[in-house]
């Protein structure tokens, strides 16, 4: 989960010279950042270095990243008319730099490991566009969702069409797996998820299904709606650290794989505790096929690199047949 980042000194060195958007929009730099963790950590796949907000600007929602604060939307969408003014676009043209990076990364990987592409899901993209950045209550988002349901669904239909097309373009460029991130959808209960989000997320998975690549569906704080995420789509459903892995898998169902779910903050502590918690995750998986060991969310910037390296080696040692 989020392999590259500020926990790597070589990434920090690049960030002293380039903005986050510069790294995302420059294929050679995106290639380098994608490969940085592959050189340092025994991971089984590479994750495309990009950002899930990149589709917002060509939709007519400009944004930037504020150092120390995260993404900031220039003019948040706060009304029905705001939702109606977003525009569809052709990802192969407007986000062509991402596709060029994918082709470059695939050449550099030379088949050593598969490459995972990704995009944001409707609720998460909507919440950034409406809230203007990070939120804890998602009050503006829910107010529009509840208050203007027809406009909300039209908006999400447009987002789903764009994201489905974007992921197809990533597959055409060479990614081996695609992951749909609905990072903040845990803010919804099951009823609201099924009414306001599920049909649109399902449309994304339906768009990529004919291409036959594995799909991953991930959210944070989704313990109570894991079965609903499964119904929306994904060969693999991500579970964060809040729900024990075996319980999460039971909610998801035996016909799907599961990704997760070590608490990333454990990597800030001593390795004996990391290994003990890893043993518990693996014990709950019980050797069943279809478990992708992973963190329950992204690596934190203060994480010691040697802890990440030790964790990857430990998992391989414990699971090697």
Protein backbone atom coordinates (compact mmCIF):
# COMPACT_ATOMS: atom_id res chain seq x y z
CA UNK A 1 0.00 0.00 0.00
CA UNK A 2 1.63 3.18 -1.27
CA UNK A 3 5.10 1.68 -1.73
CA UNK A 4 6.91 4.89 -2.63
CA UNK A 5 7.02 7.92 -0.39
CA UNK A 6 8.73 10.00 2.24
CA UNK A 7 10.01 7.04 4.26
CA UNK A 8 12.58 6.56 1.46
CA UNK A 9 15.54 8.95 1.48
CA UNK A 10 15.86 8.81 -2.31
CA UNK A 11 12.22 9.90 -2.65
CA UNK A 12 12.75 12.79 -0.22
CA UNK A 13 15.74 13.89 -2.28
CA UNK A 14 13.57 14.11 -5.39
CA UNK A 15 10.85 15.98 -3.50
CA UNK A 16 13.37 18.66 -2.56
CA UNK A 17 13.71 19.39 -6.29
CA UNK A 18 10.25 18.60 -7.65
CA UNK A 19 6.65 19.02 -6.56
CA UNK A 20 4.41 15.99 -6.17
CA UNK A 21 2.55 16.94 -9.33
CA UNK A 22 5.87 17.31 -11.19
CA UNK A 23 6.74 13.73 -10.21
CA UNK A 24 3.34 12.47 -11.34
CA UNK A 25 3.33 14.39 -14.63
CA UNK A 26 6.90 13.59 -15.73
CA UNK A 27 7.11 9.98 -16.98
CA UNK A 28 10.85 9.59 -16.31
CA UNK A 29 10.41 10.79 -12.71
CA UNK A 30 7.30 8.66 -12.15
CA UNK A 31 9.26 5.68 -13.44
CA UNK A 32 12.14 6.36 -11.08
CA UNK A 33 9.88 6.77 -8.05
CA UNK A 34 7.96 3.58 -8.91
CA UNK A 35 11.21 1.63 -9.06
CA UNK A 36 12.71 3.02 -5.84
CA UNK A 37 10.94 0.61 -3.44
CA UNK A 38 11.44 -2.31 -5.85
CA UNK A 39 15.20 -1.86 -5.46
CA UNK A 40 15.00 -1.74 -1.67
CA UNK A 41 12.18 -4.07 -0.57
CA UNK A 42 11.25 -7.66 -1.46
CA UNK A 43 7.77 -6.81 -2.71
CA UNK A 44 5.95 -9.09 -5.13
CA UNK A 45 4.57 -6.31 -7.34
CA UNK A 46 5.29 -2.71 -8.27
CA UNK A 47 2.70 0.01 -7.73
CA UNK A 48 2.45 2.78 -10.31
CA UNK A 49 3.53 6.11 -8.81
CA UNK A 50 0.69 8.49 -9.51
CA UNK A 51 -2.11 10.19 -7.61
CA UNK A 52 -5.80 9.38 -7.60
CA UNK A 53 -6.72 13.08 -7.93
CA UNK A 54 -5.11 13.52 -11.35
CA UNK A 55 -8.44 13.12 -13.23
CA UNK A 56 -9.94 16.09 -11.37
CA UNK A 57 -8.19 18.85 -13.30
CA UNK A 58 -9.27 17.72 -16.78
CA UNK A 59 -12.77 17.35 -15.31
CA UNK A 60 -12.62 21.09 -14.61
CA UNK A 61 -11.65 20.85 -10.93
CA UNK A 62 -8.13 22.35 -10.57
CA UNK A 63 -6.15 21.52 -7.45
CA UNK A 64 -2.68 21.58 -5.96
CA UNK A 65 -0.84 20.01 -3.05
CA UNK A 66 -0.08 22.23 -0.08
CA UNK A 67 3.07 21.18 1.75
CA UNK A 68 2.20 19.67 5.10
CA UNK A 69 -1.55 19.83 4.44
CA UNK A 70 -2.27 17.65 1.42
CA UNK A 71 -4.51 18.32 -1.59
CA UNK A 72 -6.37 21.62 -1.90
CA UNK A 73 -9.16 22.16 -4.44
CA UNK A 74 -9.22 25.69 -5.88
CA UNK A 75 -13.01 25.96 -6.06
CA UNK A 76 -14.81 23.17 -4.17
CA UNK A 77 -18.10 21.94 -5.62
CA UNK A 78 -20.80 23.09 -3.22
CA UNK A 79 -24.04 23.21 -5.24
CA UNK A 80 -26.11 21.28 -7.74
CA UNK A 81 -24.92 23.61 -10.51
CA UNK A 82 -21.30 22.97 -9.48
CA UNK A 83 -21.83 19.23 -9.84
CA UNK A 84 -23.41 19.73 -13.26
CA UNK A 85 -20.50 21.72 -14.72
CA UNK A 86 -17.86 18.98 -14.62
CA UNK A 87 -16.88 17.59 -17.98
CA UNK A 88 -15.92 14.18 -19.31
CA UNK A 89 -12.58 13.85 -21.09
CA UNK A 90 -10.39 11.35 -22.93
CA UNK A 91 -7.81 9.94 -20.48
CA UNK A 92 -5.53 8.80 -23.30
CA UNK A 93 -5.08 12.46 -24.20
CA UNK A 94 -5.42 14.40 -20.96
CA UNK A 95 -3.60 11.82 -18.81
CA UNK A 96 -1.27 10.53 -21.49
CA UNK A 97 1.75 11.18 -19.26
CA UNK A 98 0.51 8.46 -16.87
CA UNK A 99 0.24 5.99 -19.73
CA UNK A 100 3.71 6.91 -20.96
CA UNK A 101 5.04 6.29 -17.43
CA UNK A 102 3.38 2.86 -17.40
CA UNK A 103 5.07 1.88 -20.65
CA UNK A 104 8.42 3.12 -19.33
CA UNK A 105 8.03 1.29 -16.01
CA UNK A 106 7.15 -1.95 -17.78
CA UNK A 107 10.30 -1.70 -19.87
CA UNK A 108 12.43 -1.06 -16.80
CA UNK A 109 10.83 -3.89 -14.80
CA UNK A 110 11.59 -6.35 -17.58
CA UNK A 111 9.05 -8.82 -16.24
CA UNK A 112 10.61 -9.09 -12.76
CA UNK A 113 7.31 -8.31 -11.02
CA UNK A 114 3.84 -7.30 -12.20
CA UNK A 115 2.74 -3.67 -12.21
CA UNK A 116 -0.39 -2.48 -10.38
CA UNK A 117 -2.25 0.51 -11.78
CA UNK A 118 -4.98 2.33 -9.91
CA UNK A 119 -7.60 5.06 -9.81
CA UNK A 120 -9.95 6.65 -7.31
CA UNK A 121 -13.56 5.58 -6.83
CA UNK A 122 -16.55 7.95 -7.10
CA UNK A 123 -17.13 8.69 -3.40
CA UNK A 124 -13.48 9.43 -2.66
CA UNK A 125 -13.03 11.65 -5.71
CA UNK A 126 -16.32 13.39 -4.97
CA UNK A 127 -15.38 13.99 -1.35
CA UNK A 128 -12.11 15.69 -2.30
CA UNK A 129 -13.82 17.79 -4.96
CA UNK A 130 -16.67 18.84 -2.65
CA UNK A 131 -14.87 19.20 0.68
CA UNK A 132 -11.91 20.94 -0.92
CA UNK A 133 -9.40 18.58 0.69
CA UNK A 134 -9.30 16.17 3.60
CA UNK A 135 -12.36 15.91 5.85
CA UNK A 136 -13.42 14.10 8.99
CA UNK A 137 -17.19 14.57 8.76
CA UNK A 138 -17.74 14.78 4.97
CA UNK A 139 -20.56 17.17 5.80
CA UNK A 140 -20.56 19.06 2.49
CA UNK A 141 -20.39 15.82 0.52
CA UNK A 142 -23.25 14.18 2.36
CA UNK A 143 -25.35 17.35 2.23
CA UNK A 144 -25.17 17.32 -1.58
CA UNK A 145 -25.64 13.55 -1.71
CA UNK A 146 -28.79 13.63 0.43
CA UNK A 147 -30.10 16.99 -0.77
CA UNK A 148 -29.62 16.69 -4.53
CA UNK A 149 -29.68 12.94 -5.27
CA UNK A 150 -30.37 13.28 -9.01
CA UNK A 151 -27.46 15.67 -9.47
CA UNK A 152 -25.29 13.42 -7.29
CA UNK A 153 -26.02 10.37 -9.43
CA UNK A 154 -25.38 12.26 -12.66
CA UNK A 155 -22.06 13.45 -11.24
CA UNK A 156 -21.05 9.96 -10.12
CA UNK A 157 -22.08 8.49 -13.48
CA UNK A 158 -19.67 10.88 -15.18
CA UNK A 159 -16.90 10.07 -12.71
CA UNK A 160 -17.45 6.33 -13.13
CA UNK A 161 -17.32 6.61 -16.92
CA UNK A 162 -14.07 8.59 -16.74
CA UNK A 163 -12.43 6.24 -14.24
CA UNK A 164 -13.50 3.11 -16.06
CA UNK A 165 -12.06 4.50 -19.29
CA UNK A 166 -8.89 5.60 -17.47
CA UNK A 167 -8.30 2.13 -16.05
CA UNK A 168 -8.89 0.55 -19.45
CA UNK A 169 -6.26 2.92 -20.86
CA UNK A 170 -3.86 1.85 -18.10
CA UNK A 171 -4.46 -1.80 -19.00
CA UNK A 172 -3.83 -1.03 -22.68
CA UNK A 173 -0.56 0.67 -21.65
CA UNK A 174 0.57 -2.48 -19.84
CA UNK A 175 -0.48 -2.67 -16.17
CA UNK A 176 -1.08 -6.23 -15.00
CA UNK A 177 -3.58 -5.47 -12.20
CA UNK A 178 -5.83 -2.49 -11.43
CA UNK A 179 -6.88 -1.29 -8.01
CA UNK A 180 -9.84 0.97 -7.25
CA UNK A 181 -9.28 3.12 -4.18
CA UNK A 182 -12.35 4.28 -2.28
CA UNK A 183 -10.26 5.52 0.61
CA UNK A 184 -12.98 7.47 2.42
CA UNK A 185 -16.09 5.42 1.66
CA UNK A 186 -16.02 4.04 5.21
CA UNK A 187 -17.79 7.28 6.12
CA UNK A 188 -21.00 5.76 4.72
CA UNK A 189 -23.31 3.16 6.22
CA UNK A 190 -24.38 0.12 4.20
CA UNK A 191 -27.73 1.55 3.14
CA UNK A 192 -26.25 4.81 1.85
CA UNK A 193 -23.41 2.96 0.14
CA UNK A 194 -25.82 0.74 -1.76
CA UNK A 195 -28.04 3.65 -2.76
CA UNK A 196 -25.52 6.32 -3.64
CA UNK A 197 -22.24 4.58 -4.53
CA UNK A 198 -22.47 0.88 -5.37
CA UNK A 199 -24.04 1.24 -8.86
CA UNK A 200 -21.31 3.68 -9.93
CA UNK A 201 -18.38 1.69 -8.58
CA UNK A 202 -19.83 -1.44 -10.19
CA UNK A 203 -19.83 0.41 -13.50
CA UNK A 204 -16.06 0.89 -13.19
CA UNK A 205 -15.44 -2.81 -12.57
CA UNK A 206 -17.79 -3.72 -15.40
CA UNK A 207 -15.74 -1.52 -17.75
CA UNK A 208 -12.48 -3.35 -17.03
CA UNK A 209 -13.90 -6.87 -16.74
CA UNK A 210 -13.67 -7.72 -20.46
CA UNK A 211 -9.90 -7.17 -20.35
CA UNK A 212 -9.34 -10.07 -17.98
CA UNK A 213 -6.88 -8.45 -15.57
CA UNK A 214 -7.23 -9.02 -11.80
CA UNK A 215 -8.99 -6.22 -9.94
CA UNK A 216 -8.60 -5.00 -6.35
CA UNK A 217 -11.16 -2.93 -4.43
CA UNK A 218 -9.94 -1.08 -1.35
CA UNK A 219 -11.37 1.25 1.26
CA UNK A 220 -10.57 2.39 4.80
CA UNK A 221 -12.93 1.90 7.73
CA UNK A 222 -15.11 -0.40 5.65
CA UNK A 223 -15.53 -3.28 8.10
CA UNK A 224 -19.30 -2.86 8.18
CA UNK A 225 -19.68 -2.68 4.37
CA UNK A 226 -17.18 -5.30 3.16
CA UNK A 227 -19.96 -7.43 1.69
CA UNK A 228 -21.24 -4.37 -0.16
CA UNK A 229 -17.77 -3.63 -1.56
CA UNK A 230 -17.70 -7.22 -2.81
CA UNK A 231 -21.05 -6.72 -4.53
CA UNK A 232 -19.73 -3.56 -6.19
CA UNK A 233 -16.86 -5.51 -7.73
CA UNK A 234 -13.29 -6.68 -7.40
CA UNK A 235 -11.55 -10.04 -7.50
CA UNK A 236 -9.69 -8.96 -4.36
CA UNK A 237 -11.24 -6.93 -1.54
CA UNK A 238 -8.93 -4.91 0.69
CA UNK A 239 -9.42 -5.00 4.46
CA UNK A 240 -7.87 -2.45 6.79
CA UNK A 241 -6.43 -3.33 10.20
CA UNK A 242 -9.58 -2.62 12.21
CA UNK A 243 -11.25 -5.95 11.42
CA UNK A 244 -9.42 -9.27 12.04
CA UNK A 245 -8.57 -10.79 8.70
CA UNK A 246 -10.57 -13.99 9.10
CA UNK A 247 -13.68 -12.05 10.15
CA UNK A 248 -13.24 -9.70 7.20
CA UNK A 249 -12.88 -12.64 4.82
CA UNK A 250 -16.02 -14.23 6.20
CA UNK A 251 -17.94 -11.02 5.47
CA UNK A 252 -16.45 -10.79 1.99
CA UNK A 253 -17.13 -14.43 1.15
CA UNK A 254 -14.97 -17.38 0.08
CA UNK A 255 -15.30 -16.62 -3.62
CA UNK A 256 -13.06 -13.53 -3.39
CA UNK A 257 -9.45 -12.99 -2.45
CA UNK A 258 -8.48 -10.62 0.35
CA UNK A 259 -5.72 -8.04 0.72
CA UNK A 260 -4.41 -6.93 4.11
CA UNK A 261 -4.21 -6.16 6.84
CA UNK A 262 -1.32 -5.21 9.17
CA UNK A 263 -1.67 -1.88 10.96
CA UNK A 264 0.96 0.37 9.32
CA UNK A 265 1.74 2.10 12.62
CA UNK A 266 3.15 -1.20 13.93
CA UNK A 267 6.15 -0.60 11.68
CA UNK A 268 7.04 2.36 13.89
CA UNK A 269 7.54 0.00 16.84
CA UNK A 270 9.95 -2.84 17.63
CA UNK A 271 10.32 -5.66 15.14
CA UNK A 272 9.33 -8.37 17.60
CA UNK A 273 5.89 -6.78 17.87
CA UNK A 274 5.72 -6.38 14.08
CA UNK A 275 6.50 -10.07 13.61
CA UNK A 276 4.02 -11.15 16.28
CA UNK A 277 1.25 -9.13 14.62
CA UNK A 278 2.27 -10.52 11.23
CA UNK A 279 2.02 -14.05 12.61
CA UNK A 280 -1.53 -13.29 13.73
CA UNK A 281 -2.54 -12.01 10.28
CA UNK A 282 -1.04 -15.09 8.64
CA UNK A 283 -2.67 -17.40 11.18
CA UNK A 284 -6.06 -15.86 10.46
CA UNK A 285 -5.46 -16.37 6.73
CA UNK A 286 -4.75 -20.03 7.63
CA UNK A 287 -2.89 -20.71 4.41
CA UNK A 288 -6.01 -20.32 2.30
CA UNK A 289 -5.28 -19.40 -1.32
CA UNK A 290 -6.17 -15.85 -2.21
CA UNK A 291 -4.51 -13.87 0.58
CA UNK A 292 -2.30 -10.96 -0.46
CA UNK A 293 -0.35 -9.95 2.64
CA UNK A 294 -0.26 -6.17 2.85
CA UNK A 295 -0.61 -3.26 5.20
CA UNK A 296 -4.09 -2.09 6.06
CA UNK A 297 -3.30 1.36 4.60
CA UNK A 298 -0.28 3.30 3.36
CA UNK A 299 3.21 3.36 4.84
CA UNK A 300 3.70 6.35 7.14
CA UNK A 301 6.52 8.82 6.39
CA UNK A 302 8.38 8.16 9.66
CA UNK A 303 8.58 4.40 9.08
CA UNK A 304 12.14 2.99 9.25
CA UNK A 305 13.06 1.45 5.90
CA UNK A 306 14.81 -1.46 7.61
CA UNK A 307 11.51 -2.37 9.31
CA UNK A 308 9.75 -2.50 5.94
CA UNK A 309 12.55 -4.62 4.51
CA UNK A 310 12.48 -6.96 7.50
CA UNK A 311 8.69 -7.35 7.26
CA UNK A 312 8.81 -8.34 3.58
CA UNK A 313 11.57 -10.88 4.24
CA UNK A 314 9.68 -12.26 7.23
CA UNK A 315 6.46 -12.78 5.28
CA UNK A 316 8.32 -14.57 2.50
CA UNK A 317 10.10 -16.81 4.99
CA UNK A 318 6.86 -17.68 6.80
CA UNK A 319 4.86 -18.39 3.66
CA UNK A 320 7.43 -20.04 1.41
CA UNK A 321 6.22 -23.47 0.34
